[in-house]
Amino acid sequence: MKKQNKNFYTDEKIKEIFYNNIFLRTLEEAMESDVDINHLENIFTDEVYYTAMKIVPLLERKILYLYYVENCRLNDICKRLKLQKNEVIKYKNMGIQHFRLNLNTLFQAEHLYKGGANNEEI
């Protein structure tokens, strides 16, 4: 039996998760919730996504928030956070990587918890 790639979350899937969770909410719902630059994880209604984002480092979460929620341009994010362009790009990519790794870890932990590792290989 051939093993599948253990990286369950591709770049496209990560972007889809962000867009589906952020843009499916109405603007009114977003304004009434406690979502701000420090709490991007509150965008997610799914507990796994919430947990995965909650443990992403704060600066990376801030950059992801500004990029995906506020649709800020790179220059605006640099000015707001007082960072260089290359730093913002690096932290954005690291934030996505951390989110992806957290999702993979949580998925595998849930799979093991349900006894999936004993029954079949991933």
Protein backbone atom coordinates (compact mmCIF):
# COMPACT_ATOMS: atom_id res chain seq x y z
CA MET A 1 0.00 0.00 0.00
CA LYS A 2 1.39 3.37 -1.04
CA LYS A 3 1.75 6.06 1.67
CA GLN A 4 0.28 9.47 0.95
CA ASN A 5 2.09 12.74 1.53
CA LYS A 6 1.72 13.74 5.20
CA ASN A 7 1.40 17.42 4.26
CA PHE A 8 -2.40 17.55 4.08
CA TYR A 9 -2.64 21.30 3.66
CA THR A 10 -1.33 22.73 0.38
CA ASP A 11 -0.89 26.46 -0.20
CA GLU A 12 -4.17 26.50 -2.11
CA LYS A 13 -5.98 24.78 0.77
CA ILE A 14 -4.56 27.26 3.31
CA LYS A 15 -5.70 30.23 1.19
CA GLU A 16 -9.13 28.61 0.80
CA ILE A 17 -9.39 28.17 4.58
CA PHE A 18 -8.58 31.84 5.15
CA TYR A 19 -10.93 33.14 2.48
CA ASN A 20 -13.80 30.84 3.42
CA ASN A 21 -13.59 31.69 7.12
CA ILE A 22 -12.96 35.39 6.69
CA PHE A 23 -15.17 36.32 3.78
CA LEU A 24 -18.14 34.10 4.56
CA ARG A 25 -18.80 36.30 7.56
CA THR A 26 -20.67 39.49 6.84
CA LEU A 27 -19.03 42.80 7.58
CA GLU A 28 -21.60 43.35 10.31
CA GLU A 29 -20.67 40.08 12.04
CA ALA A 30 -16.98 40.95 11.87
CA MET A 31 -17.57 44.37 13.39
CA GLU A 32 -19.60 42.92 16.26
CA SER A 33 -17.07 40.20 17.10
CA ASP A 34 -13.87 40.66 19.08
CA VAL A 35 -11.64 40.14 16.06
CA ASP A 36 -8.75 42.56 15.96
CA ILE A 37 -5.14 42.58 14.91
CA ASN A 38 -4.14 40.48 17.94
CA HIS A 39 -6.93 37.94 17.63
CA LEU A 40 -7.05 36.65 14.07
CA GLU A 41 -7.91 33.20 15.43
CA ASN A 42 -11.38 34.49 16.38
CA ILE A 43 -12.25 34.60 12.67
CA PHE A 44 -12.37 30.81 12.60
CA THR A 45 -15.55 29.04 13.66
CA ASP A 46 -13.96 25.61 13.31
CA GLU A 47 -12.21 24.61 16.56
CA VAL A 48 -9.25 23.01 14.76
CA TYR A 49 -8.60 26.11 12.65
CA TYR A 50 -9.03 28.32 15.74
CA THR A 51 -6.50 26.28 17.71
CA ALA A 52 -4.04 26.12 14.81
CA MET A 53 -4.11 29.91 14.42
CA LYS A 54 -4.08 30.59 18.18
CA ILE A 55 -0.60 29.08 18.50
CA VAL A 56 0.90 30.98 15.56
CA PRO A 57 3.27 33.66 16.94
CA LEU A 58 1.60 37.04 17.48
CA LEU A 59 3.62 39.07 14.95
CA GLU A 60 2.89 36.50 12.25
CA ARG A 61 -0.82 36.56 13.17
CA LYS A 62 -0.82 40.36 12.97
CA ILE A 63 0.66 40.29 9.49
CA LEU A 64 -1.79 37.60 8.33
CA TYR A 65 -4.64 39.68 9.79
CA LEU A 66 -3.55 42.83 7.98
CA TYR A 67 -3.00 40.94 4.74
CA TYR A 68 -6.12 38.75 4.68
CA VAL A 69 -8.70 40.59 6.79
CA GLU A 70 -7.88 44.25 6.22
CA ASN A 71 -6.50 43.63 2.69
CA CYS A 72 -3.57 45.95 3.40
CA ARG A 73 -0.82 46.33 0.86
CA LEU A 74 2.76 45.43 1.68
CA ASN A 75 3.83 49.08 2.07
CA ASP A 76 0.95 49.79 4.45
CA ILE A 77 1.81 46.77 6.60
CA CYS A 78 5.46 47.86 6.70
CA LYS A 79 4.52 51.35 7.87
CA ARG A 80 1.99 50.13 10.41
CA LEU A 81 4.30 47.56 12.01
CA LYS A 82 7.54 49.48 11.39
CA LEU A 83 9.14 46.58 9.54
CA GLN A 84 11.08 46.22 6.30
CA LYS A 85 9.38 44.65 3.27
CA ASN A 86 11.54 41.54 3.39
CA GLU A 87 10.67 41.06 7.08
CA VAL A 88 6.93 41.32 6.41
CA ILE A 89 7.18 38.82 3.56
CA LYS A 90 9.25 36.47 5.72
CA TYR A 91 6.83 36.68 8.68
CA LYS A 92 3.80 36.22 6.41
CA ASN A 93 5.32 33.07 4.91
CA MET A 94 6.34 31.83 8.36
CA GLY A 95 2.81 32.47 9.65
CA ILE A 96 1.32 30.41 6.84
CA GLN A 97 3.89 27.67 7.47
CA HIS A 98 3.16 27.66 11.22
CA PHE A 99 -0.58 27.53 10.54
CA ARG A 100 -0.11 24.65 8.09
CA LEU A 101 2.14 22.71 10.48
CA ASN A 102 -0.29 23.28 13.34
CA LEU A 103 -3.17 22.01 11.20
CA ASN A 104 -1.19 18.92 10.20
CA THR A 105 -0.23 18.23 13.82
CA LEU A 106 -3.80 18.69 15.04
CA PHE A 107 -5.13 16.51 12.21
CA GLN A 108 -2.66 13.74 13.05
CA ALA A 109 -3.38 14.02 16.78
CA GLU A 110 -7.12 13.78 16.11
CA HIS A 111 -6.54 10.83 13.80
CA LEU A 112 -4.49 9.04 16.48
CA TYR A 113 -7.02 9.91 19.17
CA LYS A 114 -9.80 8.30 17.13
CA GLY A 115 -7.69 5.16 16.70
CA GLY A 116 -7.01 5.77 13.03
CA ALA A 117 -3.33 4.88 13.28
CA ASN A 118 -4.20 1.38 14.48
CA ASN A 119 -6.64 0.72 11.67
CA GLU A 120 -4.93 2.15 8.60
CA GLU A 121 -1.96 4.19 7.47
CA ILE A 122 -2.35 7.81 6.48
